[in-house]
Amino acid sequence: MSEEIYADGIGEITVTGSVVRVDLMTMAVNDKDEEGRLKPTFKQRIIFPIEGFAHAAEAMLQMRQQLLDRGILTRKDDTTPQMRFTESGPTGQPN
């Protein structure tokens, strides 16, 4: 059986020699900032060889473009894509 990991995003990416470490973050429901917003907290780390990271990054860029093409992601400005959410989750059909 395979294990699934949920992450709200990526915190830090570190390169050491030929290894890339990607820190996955989740929103801590029990930890809020001064304004009452959930704080991101470290969840787990993915460690890639550089070539594996490059392939993963390319796959993510291709998926990002598909989400933009389908209208699931929209651009707030020229550089930052934004995901639109409804009560039931992201709009569109990601698969």
C-alpha atoms as a PDB file:
ATOM      1  CA  MET A   1       0.000   0.000   0.000  1.00  0.00           C
ATOM      2  CA  SER A   2       1.336   3.446  -0.867  1.00  0.00           C
ATOM      3  CA  GLU A   3       1.292   6.336   1.572  1.00  0.00           C
ATOM      4  CA  GLU A   4      -0.106   9.719   0.581  1.00  0.00           C
ATOM      5  CA  ILE A   5       1.203  12.983   1.978  1.00  0.00           C
ATOM      6  CA  TYR A   6      -0.791  16.203   1.950  1.00  0.00           C
ATOM      7  CA  ALA A   7       1.010  19.558   1.811  1.00  0.00           C
ATOM      8  CA  ASP A   8      -0.327  23.096   1.516  1.00  0.00           C
ATOM      9  CA  GLY A   9       2.858  24.174  -0.190  1.00  0.00           C
ATOM     10  CA  ILE A  10       6.624  24.231  -0.315  1.00  0.00           C
ATOM     11  CA  GLY A  11       8.564  26.024   2.379  1.00  0.00           C
ATOM     12  CA  GLU A  12      12.227  25.946   1.467  1.00  0.00           C
ATOM     13  CA  ILE A  13      14.311  24.333  -1.260  1.00  0.00           C
ATOM     14  CA  THR A  14      17.973  23.700  -0.447  1.00  0.00           C
ATOM     15  CA  VAL A  15      20.720  22.426  -2.747  1.00  0.00           C
ATOM     16  CA  THR A  16      23.736  20.729  -1.193  1.00  0.00           C
ATOM     17  CA  GLY A  17      26.158  19.233  -3.669  1.00  0.00           C
ATOM     18  CA  SER A  18      24.129  16.996  -5.974  1.00  0.00           C
ATOM     19  CA  VAL A  19      21.119  16.736  -3.625  1.00  0.00           C
ATOM     20  CA  VAL A  20      17.994  18.917  -3.528  1.00  0.00           C
ATOM     21  CA  ARG A  21      15.874  19.020  -0.378  1.00  0.00           C
ATOM     22  CA  VAL A  22      12.290  20.271  -0.659  1.00  0.00           C
ATOM     23  CA  ASP A  23      10.455  21.064   2.586  1.00  0.00           C
ATOM     24  CA  LEU A  24       6.699  20.483   2.460  1.00  0.00           C
ATOM     25  CA  MET A  25       4.539  22.725   4.625  1.00  0.00           C
ATOM     26  CA  THR A  26       1.020  22.498   6.039  1.00  0.00           C
ATOM     27  CA  MET A  27      -1.077  25.083   7.823  1.00  0.00           C
ATOM     28  CA  ALA A  28      -0.927  24.498  11.585  1.00  0.00           C
ATOM     29  CA  VAL A  29      -4.511  24.548  12.877  1.00  0.00           C
ATOM     30  CA  ASN A  30      -3.319  25.012  16.464  1.00  0.00           C
ATOM     31  CA  ASP A  31      -0.822  27.787  15.710  1.00  0.00           C
ATOM     32  CA  LYS A  32      -1.961  31.218  14.511  1.00  0.00           C
ATOM     33  CA  ASP A  33      -0.203  34.524  13.975  1.00  0.00           C
ATOM     34  CA  GLU A  34      -1.119  37.821  15.636  1.00  0.00           C
ATOM     35  CA  GLU A  35      -3.882  38.410  13.064  1.00  0.00           C
ATOM     36  CA  GLY A  36      -5.461  34.978  13.622  1.00  0.00           C
ATOM     37  CA  ARG A  37      -4.198  33.422  10.382  1.00  0.00           C
ATOM     38  CA  LEU A  38      -2.914  29.857  10.366  1.00  0.00           C
ATOM     39  CA  LYS A  39       0.870  29.572  10.354  1.00  0.00           C
ATOM     40  CA  PRO A  40       2.699  27.294   7.941  1.00  0.00           C
ATOM     41  CA  THR A  41       4.622  24.525   9.656  1.00  0.00           C
ATOM     42  CA  PHE A  42       7.142  21.939   8.411  1.00  0.00           C
ATOM     43  CA  LYS A  43       5.474  18.640   7.465  1.00  0.00           C
ATOM     44  CA  GLN A  44       7.992  16.475   5.643  1.00  0.00           C
ATOM     45  CA  ARG A  45      11.023  16.691   3.352  1.00  0.00           C
ATOM     46  CA  ILE A  46      11.497  15.238  -0.120  1.00  0.00           C
ATOM     47  CA  ILE A  47      15.111  14.610  -1.105  1.00  0.00           C
ATOM     48  CA  PHE A  48      15.986  14.351  -4.812  1.00  0.00           C
ATOM     49  CA  PRO A  49      19.135  13.919  -6.834  1.00  0.00           C
ATOM     50  CA  ILE A  50      19.464  17.062  -8.990  1.00  0.00           C
ATOM     51  CA  GLU A  51      18.343  15.254 -12.150  1.00  0.00           C
ATOM     52  CA  GLY A  52      15.255  13.853 -10.395  1.00  0.00           C
ATOM     53  CA  PHE A  53      14.399  17.334  -9.098  1.00  0.00           C
ATOM     54  CA  ALA A  54      14.760  18.789 -12.599  1.00  0.00           C
ATOM     55  CA  HIS A  55      12.351  16.164 -14.004  1.00  0.00           C
ATOM     56  CA  ALA A  56       9.863  16.779 -11.162  1.00  0.00           C
ATOM     57  CA  ALA A  57      10.051  20.559 -11.653  1.00  0.00           C
ATOM     58  CA  GLU A  58       9.403  20.161 -15.393  1.00  0.00           C
ATOM     59  CA  ALA A  59       6.401  17.918 -14.720  1.00  0.00           C
ATOM     60  CA  MET A  60       5.009  20.509 -12.284  1.00  0.00           C
ATOM     61  CA  LEU A  61       5.489  23.320 -14.796  1.00  0.00           C
ATOM     62  CA  GLN A  62       3.634  21.302 -17.428  1.00  0.00           C
ATOM     63  CA  MET A  63       0.763  20.638 -15.003  1.00  0.00           C
ATOM     64  CA  ARG A  64       0.699  24.329 -14.030  1.00  0.00           C
ATOM     65  CA  GLN A  65       0.287  25.255 -17.695  1.00  0.00           C
ATOM     66  CA  GLN A  66      -2.545  22.727 -18.095  1.00  0.00           C
ATOM     67  CA  LEU A  67      -4.311  24.216 -15.040  1.00  0.00           C
ATOM     68  CA  LEU A  68      -3.899  27.720 -16.505  1.00  0.00           C
ATOM     69  CA  ASP A  69      -5.202  26.529 -19.892  1.00  0.00           C
ATOM     70  CA  ARG A  70      -8.273  24.955 -18.245  1.00  0.00           C
ATOM     71  CA  GLY A  71      -8.986  28.085 -16.194  1.00  0.00           C
ATOM     72  CA  ILE A  72      -8.474  26.275 -12.873  1.00  0.00           C
ATOM     73  CA  LEU A  73      -5.567  28.632 -12.162  1.00  0.00           C
ATOM     74  CA  THR A  74      -5.810  32.278 -13.123  1.00  0.00           C
ATOM     75  CA  ARG A  75      -3.133  34.928 -13.078  1.00  0.00           C
ATOM     76  CA  LYS A  76      -3.482  37.735 -10.573  1.00  0.00           C
ATOM     77  CA  ASP A  77      -0.724  39.576 -12.435  1.00  0.00           C
ATOM     78  CA  ASP A  78       1.912  38.543 -14.965  1.00  0.00           C
ATOM     79  CA  THR A  79       3.914  36.434 -12.508  1.00  0.00           C
ATOM     80  CA  THR A  80       1.661  34.968  -9.823  1.00  0.00           C
ATOM     81  CA  PRO A  81      -0.913  32.293 -10.697  1.00  0.00           C
ATOM     82  CA  GLN A  82      -3.841  32.095  -8.300  1.00  0.00           C
ATOM     83  CA  MET A  83      -6.100  29.097  -7.751  1.00  0.00           C
ATOM     84  CA  ARG A  84      -9.820  29.786  -7.533  1.00  0.00           C
ATOM     85  CA  PHE A  85     -11.727  27.873  -4.876  1.00  0.00           C
ATOM     86  CA  THR A  86     -15.396  27.122  -4.405  1.00  0.00           C
ATOM     87  CA  GLU A  87     -17.087  25.564  -1.366  1.00  0.00           C
ATOM     88  CA  SER A  88     -16.510  22.112  -2.794  1.00  0.00           C
ATOM     89  CA  GLY A  89     -12.870  22.705  -3.784  1.00  0.00           C
ATOM     90  CA  PRO A  90     -10.954  24.004  -6.788  1.00  0.00           C
ATOM     91  CA  THR A  91     -13.027  24.843  -9.851  1.00  0.00           C
ATOM     92  CA  GLY A  92     -12.596  22.844 -13.033  1.00  0.00           C
ATOM     93  CA  GLN A  93     -11.595  19.266 -13.645  1.00  0.00           C
ATOM     94  CA  PRO A  94      -7.933  18.713 -12.765  1.00  0.00           C
ATOM     95  CA  ASN A  95      -7.795  15.150 -14.102  1.00  0.00           C
END
